Each structure stands twice: as C-alpha cells, then as structure tokens.
N, C-alpha and C. Protein backbone atom coordinates (compact mmCIF):
# COMPACT_ATOMS: atom_id res chain seq x y z
N MET A 1 30.14 26.62 10.01
CA MET A 1 30.22 26.51 11.46
C MET A 1 29.25 27.52 12.06
N ARG A 2 28.44 27.09 13.00
CA ARG A 2 27.46 27.98 13.62
C ARG A 2 28.11 28.76 14.76
N GLN A 3 27.65 29.97 14.89
CA GLN A 3 28.14 30.84 15.95
C GLN A 3 27.24 30.68 17.18
N VAL A 4 27.68 31.24 18.28
CA VAL A 4 26.90 31.19 19.51
C VAL A 4 25.59 31.93 19.28
N GLY A 5 24.48 31.32 19.66
CA GLY A 5 23.17 31.93 19.49
C GLY A 5 22.47 31.50 18.21
N GLN A 6 23.12 30.66 17.41
CA GLN A 6 22.52 30.20 16.17
C GLN A 6 22.03 28.76 16.27
N GLY A 7 21.87 28.25 17.46
CA GLY A 7 21.34 26.90 17.64
C GLY A 7 22.40 25.83 17.46
N THR A 8 23.54 26.01 18.12
CA THR A 8 24.58 24.99 18.03
C THR A 8 24.14 23.74 18.78
N ALA A 9 24.87 22.66 18.59
CA ALA A 9 24.51 21.39 19.21
C ALA A 9 24.52 21.51 20.74
N ASN A 10 25.48 22.21 21.29
CA ASN A 10 25.55 22.39 22.74
C ASN A 10 24.35 23.16 23.27
N GLU A 11 23.95 24.21 22.54
CA GLU A 11 22.79 25.00 22.97
C GLU A 11 21.52 24.17 22.94
N VAL A 12 21.36 23.36 21.92
CA VAL A 12 20.16 22.53 21.80
C VAL A 12 20.11 21.50 22.92
N GLU A 13 21.25 20.93 23.29
CA GLU A 13 21.28 19.97 24.38
C GLU A 13 20.88 20.61 25.71
N LEU A 14 21.24 21.87 25.90
CA LEU A 14 20.94 22.55 27.16
C LEU A 14 19.48 22.95 27.26
N LEU A 15 18.79 23.12 26.14
CA LEU A 15 17.39 23.55 26.18
C LEU A 15 16.49 22.41 26.61
N ASP A 16 15.48 22.75 27.38
CA ASP A 16 14.43 21.79 27.72
C ASP A 16 13.23 22.16 26.86
N LEU A 17 13.11 21.49 25.73
CA LEU A 17 12.11 21.88 24.73
C LEU A 17 10.69 21.66 25.24
N ARG A 18 10.49 20.61 26.00
CA ARG A 18 9.15 20.34 26.52
C ARG A 18 8.71 21.45 27.47
N GLU A 19 9.62 21.83 28.36
CA GLU A 19 9.28 22.89 29.32
C GLU A 19 9.00 24.20 28.58
N GLU A 20 9.79 24.49 27.56
CA GLU A 20 9.58 25.71 26.78
C GLU A 20 8.23 25.68 26.08
N LEU A 21 7.87 24.53 25.52
CA LEU A 21 6.58 24.39 24.86
C LEU A 21 5.43 24.57 25.84
N GLU A 22 5.54 23.97 27.02
CA GLU A 22 4.48 24.11 28.03
C GLU A 22 4.33 25.56 28.47
N ARG A 23 5.44 26.27 28.61
CA ARG A 23 5.36 27.69 28.99
C ARG A 23 4.64 28.50 27.92
N LYS A 24 4.96 28.23 26.66
CA LYS A 24 4.31 28.95 25.57
C LYS A 24 2.82 28.62 25.50
N GLU A 25 2.47 27.37 25.76
CA GLU A 25 1.06 26.98 25.77
C GLU A 25 0.30 27.68 26.89
N GLU A 26 0.91 27.74 28.08
CA GLU A 26 0.27 28.43 29.20
C GLU A 26 0.07 29.91 28.88
N LYS A 27 1.08 30.52 28.27
CA LYS A 27 0.99 31.93 27.92
C LYS A 27 -0.15 32.14 26.91
N TYR A 28 -0.25 31.26 25.95
CA TYR A 28 -1.31 31.36 24.94
C TYR A 28 -2.68 31.20 25.58
N GLU A 29 -2.82 30.22 26.48
CA GLU A 29 -4.10 29.99 27.16
C GLU A 29 -4.50 31.22 27.98
N LEU A 30 -3.53 31.83 28.65
CA LEU A 30 -3.83 33.02 29.45
C LEU A 30 -4.25 34.19 28.55
N GLU A 31 -3.61 34.33 27.39
CA GLU A 31 -3.97 35.40 26.47
C GLU A 31 -5.39 35.22 25.95
N LYS A 32 -5.78 34.01 25.70
CA LYS A 32 -7.10 33.73 25.17
C LYS A 32 -8.17 33.75 26.26
N GLY A 33 -7.75 33.75 27.51
CA GLY A 33 -8.69 33.82 28.61
C GLY A 33 -9.34 32.47 28.91
N ARG A 34 -8.70 31.42 28.51
CA ARG A 34 -9.26 30.09 28.79
C ARG A 34 -8.78 29.61 30.13
N LYS A 35 -9.55 28.69 30.68
CA LYS A 35 -9.10 28.11 31.95
C LYS A 35 -8.07 27.04 31.66
N LYS A 36 -7.18 26.84 32.58
CA LYS A 36 -6.13 25.84 32.40
C LYS A 36 -6.71 24.46 32.67
N ASP A 37 -6.46 23.55 31.74
CA ASP A 37 -6.95 22.19 31.90
C ASP A 37 -6.12 21.47 32.94
N THR A 38 -6.80 20.67 33.71
CA THR A 38 -6.08 19.84 34.66
C THR A 38 -5.59 18.61 33.94
N ALA A 39 -4.70 17.89 34.60
CA ALA A 39 -4.14 16.68 34.00
C ALA A 39 -5.23 15.64 33.77
N GLN A 40 -6.20 15.59 34.69
CA GLN A 40 -7.29 14.62 34.53
C GLN A 40 -8.14 14.94 33.31
N ASP A 41 -8.40 16.21 33.08
CA ASP A 41 -9.17 16.60 31.89
C ASP A 41 -8.44 16.21 30.61
N LYS A 42 -7.13 16.44 30.61
CA LYS A 42 -6.34 16.09 29.43
C LYS A 42 -6.37 14.58 29.20
N LEU A 43 -6.21 13.80 30.27
CA LEU A 43 -6.25 12.34 30.13
C LEU A 43 -7.61 11.87 29.64
N ARG A 44 -8.67 12.47 30.17
CA ARG A 44 -10.02 12.08 29.75
C ARG A 44 -10.22 12.36 28.26
N ARG A 45 -9.77 13.53 27.82
CA ARG A 45 -9.91 13.87 26.40
C ARG A 45 -9.07 12.94 25.53
N LEU A 46 -7.88 12.61 26.00
CA LEU A 46 -7.04 11.68 25.24
C LEU A 46 -7.72 10.32 25.10
N GLU A 47 -8.30 9.81 26.17
CA GLU A 47 -8.99 8.52 26.11
C GLU A 47 -10.17 8.58 25.15
N GLU A 48 -10.93 9.67 25.22
CA GLU A 48 -12.08 9.80 24.31
C GLU A 48 -11.62 9.85 22.86
N ASN A 49 -10.57 10.60 22.60
CA ASN A 49 -10.05 10.69 21.23
C ASN A 49 -9.53 9.35 20.75
N LYS A 50 -8.87 8.62 21.66
CA LYS A 50 -8.34 7.31 21.28
C LYS A 50 -9.48 6.37 20.93
N LYS A 51 -10.54 6.40 21.71
CA LYS A 51 -11.68 5.53 21.43
C LYS A 51 -12.33 5.90 20.10
N ILE A 52 -12.45 7.17 19.83
CA ILE A 52 -13.06 7.61 18.57
C ILE A 52 -12.20 7.16 17.40
N LEU A 53 -10.89 7.30 17.53
CA LEU A 53 -10.01 6.88 16.44
C LEU A 53 -10.07 5.37 16.22
N LEU A 54 -10.15 4.63 17.30
CA LEU A 54 -10.19 3.17 17.17
C LEU A 54 -11.50 2.69 16.58
N LEU A 55 -12.57 3.34 16.93
CA LEU A 55 -13.87 2.85 16.49
C LEU A 55 -14.20 3.27 15.07
N GLY A 56 -13.76 4.39 14.63
CA GLY A 56 -14.08 4.86 13.29
C GLY A 56 -15.41 5.60 13.31
N ASP A 57 -15.77 6.18 12.18
CA ASP A 57 -16.97 7.01 12.10
C ASP A 57 -18.25 6.20 12.25
N ALA A 58 -18.41 5.15 11.47
CA ALA A 58 -19.65 4.37 11.50
C ALA A 58 -19.80 3.66 12.84
N GLU A 59 -18.71 3.13 13.31
CA GLU A 59 -18.77 2.42 14.58
C GLU A 59 -18.99 3.40 15.73
N ALA A 60 -18.53 4.64 15.57
CA ALA A 60 -18.74 5.64 16.62
C ALA A 60 -20.22 5.95 16.76
N ASP A 61 -20.92 6.06 15.61
CA ASP A 61 -22.37 6.30 15.67
C ASP A 61 -23.08 5.14 16.34
N GLU A 62 -22.67 3.92 15.98
CA GLU A 62 -23.27 2.73 16.59
C GLU A 62 -22.99 2.71 18.10
N LYS A 63 -21.79 3.06 18.46
CA LYS A 63 -21.40 3.06 19.87
C LYS A 63 -22.19 4.12 20.64
N GLU A 64 -22.41 5.26 20.01
CA GLU A 64 -23.16 6.33 20.66
C GLU A 64 -24.60 5.89 20.94
N SER A 65 -25.20 5.19 19.98
CA SER A 65 -26.57 4.71 20.20
C SER A 65 -26.60 3.66 21.31
N GLN A 66 -25.57 2.82 21.38
CA GLN A 66 -25.51 1.83 22.46
C GLN A 66 -25.34 2.52 23.81
N LEU A 67 -24.53 3.58 23.84
CA LEU A 67 -24.34 4.30 25.10
C LEU A 67 -25.64 4.96 25.55
N LYS A 68 -26.41 5.48 24.61
CA LYS A 68 -27.70 6.07 24.96
C LYS A 68 -28.64 5.02 25.53
N LYS A 69 -28.62 3.82 24.95
CA LYS A 69 -29.47 2.74 25.47
C LYS A 69 -29.06 2.37 26.89
N VAL A 70 -27.74 2.25 27.09
CA VAL A 70 -27.25 1.90 28.42
C VAL A 70 -27.60 3.00 29.41
N ALA A 71 -27.46 4.26 28.99
CA ALA A 71 -27.76 5.38 29.89
C ALA A 71 -29.24 5.41 30.23
N SER A 72 -30.09 5.15 29.24
CA SER A 72 -31.53 5.16 29.53
C SER A 72 -31.92 3.97 30.40
N LYS A 73 -31.20 2.88 30.28
CA LYS A 73 -31.49 1.70 31.09
C LYS A 73 -31.21 1.98 32.57
N TYR A 74 -30.10 2.70 32.81
CA TYR A 74 -29.72 2.96 34.19
C TYR A 74 -30.29 4.27 34.72
N ASP A 75 -31.02 5.00 33.91
CA ASP A 75 -31.62 6.25 34.33
C ASP A 75 -32.88 5.93 35.15
N ASP A 76 -32.81 6.16 36.43
CA ASP A 76 -33.96 5.88 37.31
C ASP A 76 -34.73 7.16 37.56
N ALA A 77 -36.03 7.03 37.65
CA ALA A 77 -36.89 8.19 37.90
C ALA A 77 -36.77 8.67 39.34
N ASP A 78 -36.42 7.79 40.27
CA ASP A 78 -36.38 8.17 41.68
C ASP A 78 -35.00 8.65 42.11
N ASP A 79 -34.10 8.96 41.19
CA ASP A 79 -32.77 9.44 41.57
C ASP A 79 -32.86 10.78 42.28
N GLY A 80 -33.82 11.61 41.95
CA GLY A 80 -33.95 12.92 42.56
C GLY A 80 -34.31 12.84 44.03
N ALA A 81 -34.98 11.78 44.48
CA ALA A 81 -35.40 11.64 45.87
C ALA A 81 -34.25 11.24 46.77
N ASP A 82 -33.22 10.62 46.22
CA ASP A 82 -32.09 10.16 47.04
C ASP A 82 -31.20 11.33 47.40
N SER A 83 -30.33 11.10 48.34
CA SER A 83 -29.40 12.14 48.75
C SER A 83 -28.29 12.28 47.70
N GLU A 84 -27.50 13.34 47.85
CA GLU A 84 -26.43 13.59 46.89
C GLU A 84 -25.37 12.51 46.95
N ASP A 85 -25.11 11.97 48.13
CA ASP A 85 -24.08 10.94 48.26
C ASP A 85 -24.46 9.70 47.47
N SER A 86 -25.71 9.30 47.57
CA SER A 86 -26.13 8.08 46.86
C SER A 86 -26.14 8.33 45.35
N SER A 87 -26.52 9.55 44.93
CA SER A 87 -26.53 9.83 43.49
C SER A 87 -25.11 9.86 42.94
N ASP A 88 -24.18 10.36 43.75
CA ASP A 88 -22.78 10.35 43.32
C ASP A 88 -22.28 8.93 43.18
N SER A 89 -22.62 8.07 44.14
CA SER A 89 -22.15 6.68 44.06
C SER A 89 -22.83 5.97 42.90
N ASP A 90 -24.13 6.31 42.63
CA ASP A 90 -24.82 5.71 41.49
C ASP A 90 -24.16 6.14 40.19
N SER A 91 -23.85 7.43 40.09
CA SER A 91 -23.23 7.91 38.85
C SER A 91 -21.83 7.32 38.69
N ASP A 92 -21.13 7.14 39.83
CA ASP A 92 -19.81 6.50 39.75
C ASP A 92 -19.94 5.07 39.27
N SER A 93 -20.92 4.35 39.83
CA SER A 93 -21.09 2.95 39.40
C SER A 93 -21.57 2.90 37.96
N ASP A 94 -22.43 3.87 37.56
CA ASP A 94 -22.86 3.92 36.16
C ASP A 94 -21.67 4.19 35.25
N ASP A 95 -20.82 5.12 35.67
CA ASP A 95 -19.63 5.41 34.87
C ASP A 95 -18.75 4.18 34.75
N GLU A 96 -18.59 3.46 35.87
CA GLU A 96 -17.77 2.25 35.84
C GLU A 96 -18.40 1.20 34.93
N ASP A 97 -19.73 1.06 35.01
CA ASP A 97 -20.42 0.09 34.15
C ASP A 97 -20.26 0.46 32.68
N GLU A 98 -20.44 1.75 32.40
CA GLU A 98 -20.30 2.20 31.01
C GLU A 98 -18.87 2.00 30.52
N GLU A 99 -17.91 2.30 31.40
CA GLU A 99 -16.51 2.12 31.01
C GLU A 99 -16.21 0.65 30.77
N ALA A 100 -16.73 -0.22 31.63
CA ALA A 100 -16.52 -1.66 31.44
C ALA A 100 -17.16 -2.12 30.13
N GLU A 101 -18.35 -1.61 29.85
CA GLU A 101 -19.04 -1.96 28.59
C GLU A 101 -18.23 -1.48 27.39
N LEU A 102 -17.72 -0.27 27.49
CA LEU A 102 -16.90 0.27 26.40
C LEU A 102 -15.62 -0.55 26.20
N MET A 103 -15.01 -0.95 27.29
CA MET A 103 -13.79 -1.74 27.18
C MET A 103 -14.07 -3.09 26.54
N ARG A 104 -15.21 -3.72 26.89
CA ARG A 104 -15.58 -5.00 26.26
C ARG A 104 -15.80 -4.81 24.76
N GLU A 105 -16.49 -3.73 24.42
CA GLU A 105 -16.73 -3.45 23.00
C GLU A 105 -15.42 -3.18 22.27
N LEU A 106 -14.53 -2.45 22.93
CA LEU A 106 -13.24 -2.15 22.32
C LEU A 106 -12.46 -3.43 22.07
N GLU A 107 -12.45 -4.32 23.04
CA GLU A 107 -11.76 -5.60 22.87
C GLU A 107 -12.39 -6.41 21.74
N LYS A 108 -13.71 -6.38 21.68
CA LYS A 108 -14.42 -7.11 20.62
C LYS A 108 -14.03 -6.56 19.24
N ILE A 109 -13.99 -5.25 19.13
CA ILE A 109 -13.64 -4.62 17.86
C ILE A 109 -12.19 -4.93 17.49
N LYS A 110 -11.30 -4.87 18.47
CA LYS A 110 -9.90 -5.20 18.20
C LYS A 110 -9.78 -6.64 17.71
N GLN A 111 -10.52 -7.55 18.34
CA GLN A 111 -10.47 -8.95 17.94
C GLN A 111 -11.00 -9.13 16.52
N GLU A 112 -12.10 -8.44 16.18
CA GLU A 112 -12.66 -8.54 14.83
C GLU A 112 -11.67 -8.00 13.80
N ARG A 113 -11.02 -6.91 14.11
CA ARG A 113 -10.05 -6.35 13.17
C ARG A 113 -8.85 -7.28 13.00
N GLU A 114 -8.42 -7.90 14.08
CA GLU A 114 -7.30 -8.84 14.00
C GLU A 114 -7.68 -10.04 13.15
N GLU A 115 -8.91 -10.56 13.33
CA GLU A 115 -9.37 -11.68 12.52
C GLU A 115 -9.44 -11.28 11.05
N GLU A 116 -9.92 -10.09 10.78
CA GLU A 116 -10.01 -9.60 9.39
C GLU A 116 -8.61 -9.47 8.78
N ARG A 117 -7.67 -8.96 9.56
CA ARG A 117 -6.30 -8.81 9.07
C ARG A 117 -5.69 -10.17 8.76
N LEU A 118 -5.89 -11.15 9.66
CA LEU A 118 -5.36 -12.49 9.43
C LEU A 118 -6.00 -13.13 8.20
N ARG A 119 -7.30 -12.92 8.03
CA ARG A 119 -7.99 -13.49 6.87
C ARG A 119 -7.43 -12.89 5.57
N LYS A 120 -7.21 -11.57 5.56
CA LYS A 120 -6.66 -10.93 4.36
C LYS A 120 -5.25 -11.42 4.07
N GLU A 121 -4.44 -11.58 5.12
CA GLU A 121 -3.08 -12.08 4.92
C GLU A 121 -3.11 -13.48 4.34
N GLU A 122 -4.02 -14.32 4.82
CA GLU A 122 -4.15 -15.69 4.30
C GLU A 122 -4.56 -15.67 2.83
N GLU A 123 -5.52 -14.81 2.48
CA GLU A 123 -5.94 -14.70 1.08
C GLU A 123 -4.80 -14.23 0.19
N GLU A 124 -4.05 -13.24 0.65
CA GLU A 124 -2.92 -12.74 -0.13
C GLU A 124 -1.86 -13.81 -0.30
N ARG A 125 -1.62 -14.58 0.74
CA ARG A 125 -0.63 -15.65 0.66
C ARG A 125 -1.06 -16.70 -0.35
N LYS A 126 -2.35 -17.09 -0.31
CA LYS A 126 -2.86 -18.08 -1.26
C LYS A 126 -2.79 -17.55 -2.69
N ALA A 127 -3.13 -16.28 -2.89
CA ALA A 127 -3.08 -15.70 -4.23
C ALA A 127 -1.65 -15.67 -4.75
N ALA A 128 -0.70 -15.30 -3.90
CA ALA A 128 0.70 -15.27 -4.31
C ALA A 128 1.20 -16.68 -4.64
N GLU A 129 0.78 -17.66 -3.85
CA GLU A 129 1.17 -19.05 -4.10
C GLU A 129 0.60 -19.53 -5.43
N GLN A 130 -0.66 -19.22 -5.69
CA GLN A 130 -1.30 -19.62 -6.95
C GLN A 130 -0.60 -18.96 -8.14
N GLN A 131 -0.27 -17.69 -8.00
CA GLN A 131 0.39 -16.97 -9.08
C GLN A 131 1.78 -17.56 -9.34
N SER A 132 2.52 -17.86 -8.29
CA SER A 132 3.85 -18.44 -8.49
C SER A 132 3.75 -19.82 -9.14
N ARG A 133 2.72 -20.60 -8.78
CA ARG A 133 2.52 -21.91 -9.39
C ARG A 133 2.23 -21.75 -10.89
N GLU A 134 1.39 -20.78 -11.24
CA GLU A 134 1.08 -20.54 -12.65
C GLU A 134 2.32 -20.07 -13.41
N GLU A 135 3.12 -19.22 -12.80
CA GLU A 135 4.34 -18.76 -13.45
C GLU A 135 5.30 -19.91 -13.69
N ILE A 136 5.38 -20.82 -12.73
CA ILE A 136 6.25 -21.98 -12.89
C ILE A 136 5.77 -22.85 -14.04
N LEU A 137 4.46 -23.07 -14.10
CA LEU A 137 3.92 -23.90 -15.18
C LEU A 137 4.08 -23.23 -16.53
N GLN A 138 3.91 -21.94 -16.61
CA GLN A 138 4.04 -21.24 -17.88
C GLN A 138 5.49 -21.07 -18.29
N GLY A 139 6.40 -21.18 -17.36
CA GLY A 139 7.81 -21.03 -17.67
C GLY A 139 8.40 -22.22 -18.40
N ASN A 140 7.74 -23.38 -18.41
CA ASN A 140 8.25 -24.57 -19.06
C ASN A 140 7.70 -24.64 -20.48
N PRO A 141 8.53 -24.53 -21.52
CA PRO A 141 8.02 -24.53 -22.89
C PRO A 141 7.44 -25.88 -23.30
N LEU A 142 7.85 -26.96 -22.65
CA LEU A 142 7.32 -28.27 -23.01
C LEU A 142 5.86 -28.42 -22.62
N THR A 143 5.44 -27.73 -21.54
CA THR A 143 4.04 -27.82 -21.13
C THR A 143 3.18 -26.82 -21.89
N GLN A 144 3.79 -25.86 -22.58
CA GLN A 144 3.05 -24.84 -23.30
C GLN A 144 2.51 -25.33 -24.63
N GLN A 145 3.27 -26.19 -25.34
CA GLN A 145 2.90 -26.59 -26.69
C GLN A 145 1.82 -27.66 -26.67
N ALA A 146 0.96 -27.60 -27.67
CA ALA A 146 -0.05 -28.64 -27.83
C ALA A 146 0.62 -29.87 -28.43
N ALA A 147 -0.10 -31.00 -28.45
CA ALA A 147 0.49 -32.26 -28.91
C ALA A 147 0.87 -32.22 -30.38
N GLY A 148 0.07 -31.59 -31.25
CA GLY A 148 0.34 -31.59 -32.69
C GLY A 148 1.12 -30.39 -33.17
N SER A 149 1.67 -29.62 -32.30
CA SER A 149 2.32 -28.38 -32.73
C SER A 149 3.83 -28.53 -32.88
N ALA A 150 4.34 -29.75 -32.95
CA ALA A 150 5.78 -29.94 -33.10
C ALA A 150 6.16 -29.72 -34.55
N LYS A 151 6.75 -28.60 -34.89
CA LYS A 151 7.13 -28.24 -36.25
C LYS A 151 8.62 -27.97 -36.30
N MET A 152 9.13 -28.14 -37.48
CA MET A 152 10.51 -27.73 -37.70
C MET A 152 10.52 -26.23 -37.93
N LYS A 153 11.53 -25.59 -37.49
CA LYS A 153 11.64 -24.16 -37.74
C LYS A 153 11.96 -23.93 -39.21
N ARG A 154 11.30 -22.96 -39.79
CA ARG A 154 11.57 -22.64 -41.19
C ARG A 154 12.83 -21.81 -41.29
N ARG A 155 13.56 -22.08 -42.32
CA ARG A 155 14.75 -21.29 -42.55
C ARG A 155 14.37 -20.02 -43.29
N TRP A 156 15.23 -19.04 -43.27
CA TRP A 156 14.92 -17.75 -43.88
C TRP A 156 14.80 -17.85 -45.39
N ASN A 157 15.50 -18.80 -46.00
CA ASN A 157 15.46 -18.88 -47.45
C ASN A 157 14.49 -19.96 -47.93
N ASP A 158 13.63 -20.46 -47.05
CA ASP A 158 12.61 -21.43 -47.47
C ASP A 158 11.43 -20.74 -48.14
N ASP A 159 11.44 -19.44 -48.19
CA ASP A 159 10.34 -18.72 -48.81
C ASP A 159 10.23 -19.05 -50.29
N VAL A 160 9.07 -18.82 -50.87
CA VAL A 160 8.81 -19.14 -52.27
C VAL A 160 9.73 -18.32 -53.18
N VAL A 161 10.08 -17.15 -52.77
CA VAL A 161 10.91 -16.29 -53.59
C VAL A 161 12.27 -16.93 -53.87
N PHE A 162 12.79 -17.66 -52.89
CA PHE A 162 14.13 -18.20 -53.03
C PHE A 162 14.15 -19.63 -53.56
N LYS A 163 13.01 -20.26 -53.79
CA LYS A 163 12.96 -21.66 -54.23
C LYS A 163 13.41 -21.79 -55.68
N ASN A 164 14.14 -22.81 -55.96
CA ASN A 164 14.52 -23.27 -57.30
C ASN A 164 15.14 -22.20 -58.18
N GLN A 165 15.76 -21.25 -57.63
CA GLN A 165 16.40 -20.23 -58.46
C GLN A 165 17.71 -20.75 -59.04
N SER A 166 18.40 -21.54 -58.29
CA SER A 166 19.69 -22.02 -58.78
C SER A 166 19.54 -23.11 -59.83
N ARG A 167 18.41 -23.75 -59.95
CA ARG A 167 18.22 -24.84 -60.92
C ARG A 167 18.10 -24.30 -62.34
N ASN A 168 17.52 -23.13 -62.51
CA ASN A 168 17.29 -22.58 -63.84
C ASN A 168 18.55 -22.05 -64.51
N GLU A 169 19.45 -21.56 -63.74
CA GLU A 169 20.65 -20.95 -64.31
C GLU A 169 21.80 -21.95 -64.31
N PRO A 170 22.49 -22.01 -65.40
CA PRO A 170 23.68 -22.88 -65.40
C PRO A 170 24.76 -22.25 -64.52
N GLU A 171 25.46 -23.08 -63.84
CA GLU A 171 26.46 -22.58 -62.91
C GLU A 171 27.73 -22.24 -63.69
N VAL A 172 28.06 -20.99 -63.68
CA VAL A 172 29.23 -20.52 -64.41
C VAL A 172 30.32 -20.23 -63.40
N LYS A 173 31.48 -20.75 -63.71
CA LYS A 173 32.59 -20.51 -62.82
C LYS A 173 33.05 -19.07 -63.00
N LYS A 174 33.15 -18.36 -61.92
CA LYS A 174 33.54 -16.97 -61.98
C LYS A 174 35.06 -16.90 -62.02
N ARG A 175 35.53 -16.01 -62.87
CA ARG A 175 36.96 -15.82 -62.96
C ARG A 175 37.27 -14.36 -62.69
N PHE A 176 38.41 -14.12 -62.16
CA PHE A 176 38.80 -12.77 -61.81
C PHE A 176 39.84 -12.29 -62.80
N ILE A 177 39.53 -11.16 -63.42
CA ILE A 177 40.47 -10.54 -64.35
C ILE A 177 40.67 -9.11 -63.89
N ASN A 178 41.92 -8.74 -63.76
CA ASN A 178 42.25 -7.42 -63.25
C ASN A 178 42.32 -6.39 -64.39
N ASP A 179 41.48 -6.56 -65.36
CA ASP A 179 41.45 -5.61 -66.47
C ASP A 179 39.99 -5.27 -66.72
N THR A 180 39.64 -4.01 -66.69
CA THR A 180 38.24 -3.61 -66.80
C THR A 180 37.69 -3.82 -68.19
N ILE A 181 38.50 -3.91 -69.19
CA ILE A 181 38.00 -4.10 -70.55
C ILE A 181 37.79 -5.58 -70.85
N ARG A 182 38.58 -6.45 -70.27
CA ARG A 182 38.48 -7.86 -70.58
C ARG A 182 37.67 -8.66 -69.55
N ASN A 183 37.14 -8.06 -68.51
CA ASN A 183 36.41 -8.86 -67.50
C ASN A 183 35.02 -9.23 -68.02
N ASP A 184 34.36 -10.17 -67.34
CA ASP A 184 33.09 -10.74 -67.80
C ASP A 184 31.97 -9.70 -67.81
N PHE A 185 31.93 -8.84 -66.86
CA PHE A 185 30.87 -7.83 -66.79
C PHE A 185 30.95 -6.91 -68.01
N HIS A 186 32.17 -6.50 -68.36
CA HIS A 186 32.33 -5.59 -69.49
C HIS A 186 31.94 -6.28 -70.79
N ARG A 187 32.27 -7.54 -70.92
CA ARG A 187 31.92 -8.28 -72.14
C ARG A 187 30.42 -8.43 -72.27
N ARG A 188 29.72 -8.75 -71.16
CA ARG A 188 28.26 -8.88 -71.22
C ARG A 188 27.62 -7.53 -71.54
N PHE A 189 28.14 -6.48 -70.97
CA PHE A 189 27.62 -5.14 -71.22
C PHE A 189 27.75 -4.78 -72.70
N LEU A 190 28.90 -5.06 -73.25
CA LEU A 190 29.13 -4.75 -74.67
C LEU A 190 28.25 -5.59 -75.57
N SER A 191 28.09 -6.87 -75.20
CA SER A 191 27.27 -7.74 -76.04
C SER A 191 25.80 -7.34 -75.96
N LYS A 192 25.38 -6.81 -74.85
CA LYS A 192 23.97 -6.46 -74.66
C LYS A 192 23.64 -5.15 -75.35
N TYR A 193 24.48 -4.15 -75.23
CA TYR A 193 24.13 -2.82 -75.70
C TYR A 193 24.79 -2.42 -77.03
N ILE A 194 25.82 -3.10 -77.41
CA ILE A 194 26.51 -2.68 -78.64
C ILE A 194 26.26 -3.66 -79.78
N ALA A 195 26.18 -4.89 -79.52
CA ALA A 195 26.08 -5.89 -80.58
C ALA A 195 24.84 -5.83 -81.34
C-alpha cells in the first residue's frame, strides 16, 4: 500500500501532467537562454517534420530539387523595385503556390504507396492461394504415386535370411518335462559333448 506522497492513484489523478511538463520545458528554455517558440512556429516545424517523414530520404532530395525549381521560376528580378506590400503579397502567393504544389505531390505519393500496398497484398494472396492448392494436391497419396508404382508391402520376414528355413528342418513336436536331467535340451547336450 502506498503512503501519501508516494504517487498514489488519487495524487496522480489530481496532477496535470501536461501543465507540469510545459512548465519544466519553459524553465529549461529560459536556462538555456533560448527564445520561446510561438505556437505557429511549433505547428510549422511539425508540418515540415511530417512531410519529411512521409516523403522519405530519397524523395526528400527529389522534393527539394523540385522546390528549388519552383522557387527559381517564381523568382523575379524586378521584385526589388516594387513596394514592400506587393513583395509581401507576392511571397504570400508564392508560399501558397508552393504549399499547393507540395500538397499535390503529397497526395500523389500517398496514392502511389497505396497502390503499391494493394499490389503487394494481391501478390501475397495469390502466393498463399497457390501454396494451399499445392498442399492440397500433395496431401492426397493417390495423386502422389506414379502409374507403375503399385507394389505390395513387404513383410518383415520376407528377407532372404528368413526364407526356407523351416523346410530344411524336420518339425519336432516339443514336449515339456519338468525334470532337468530328462528334458530334450539335456539329452542333446549329453549326446553332443559326452558321447
């Protein structure tokens, strides 16, 4: 049983962990002397990170080159002659154009990945179906044997060692005698070694 101050269930319910984490982050930022990020900066960084994760490394390089092309296309030499208001509106429209271009590319990439995933699932399904069909065919012993392979099973005593052994020896009826001197084994022994 936990005591008061050891993180009981009631104490944990009363804590606002998110608020505590934010306070500690602010304290850390102030100690390091960094400026506090605004919510817009955080959202912008999150969007950039999300795009990088979605695109991957190779696609990120390709996307960067496309962005440079788009930026150079919209880079006008006479922007310096215009007033600040018009340059701000131009940069806003450029940003919107770039964002729209990025969103189209993102949708295209998502669609390509979805098609690839569906294609792989279809291939896996076909492979599993083919494998199950082969297992079914191999499971039937009648389809496994060739036409001329119908043989009788050999018995254990069909070996050459056991053939015709009983034909050579005359069949002697065995008799049981409860006397060790008069039984058949003793008589054969005596006749073999003493006679």
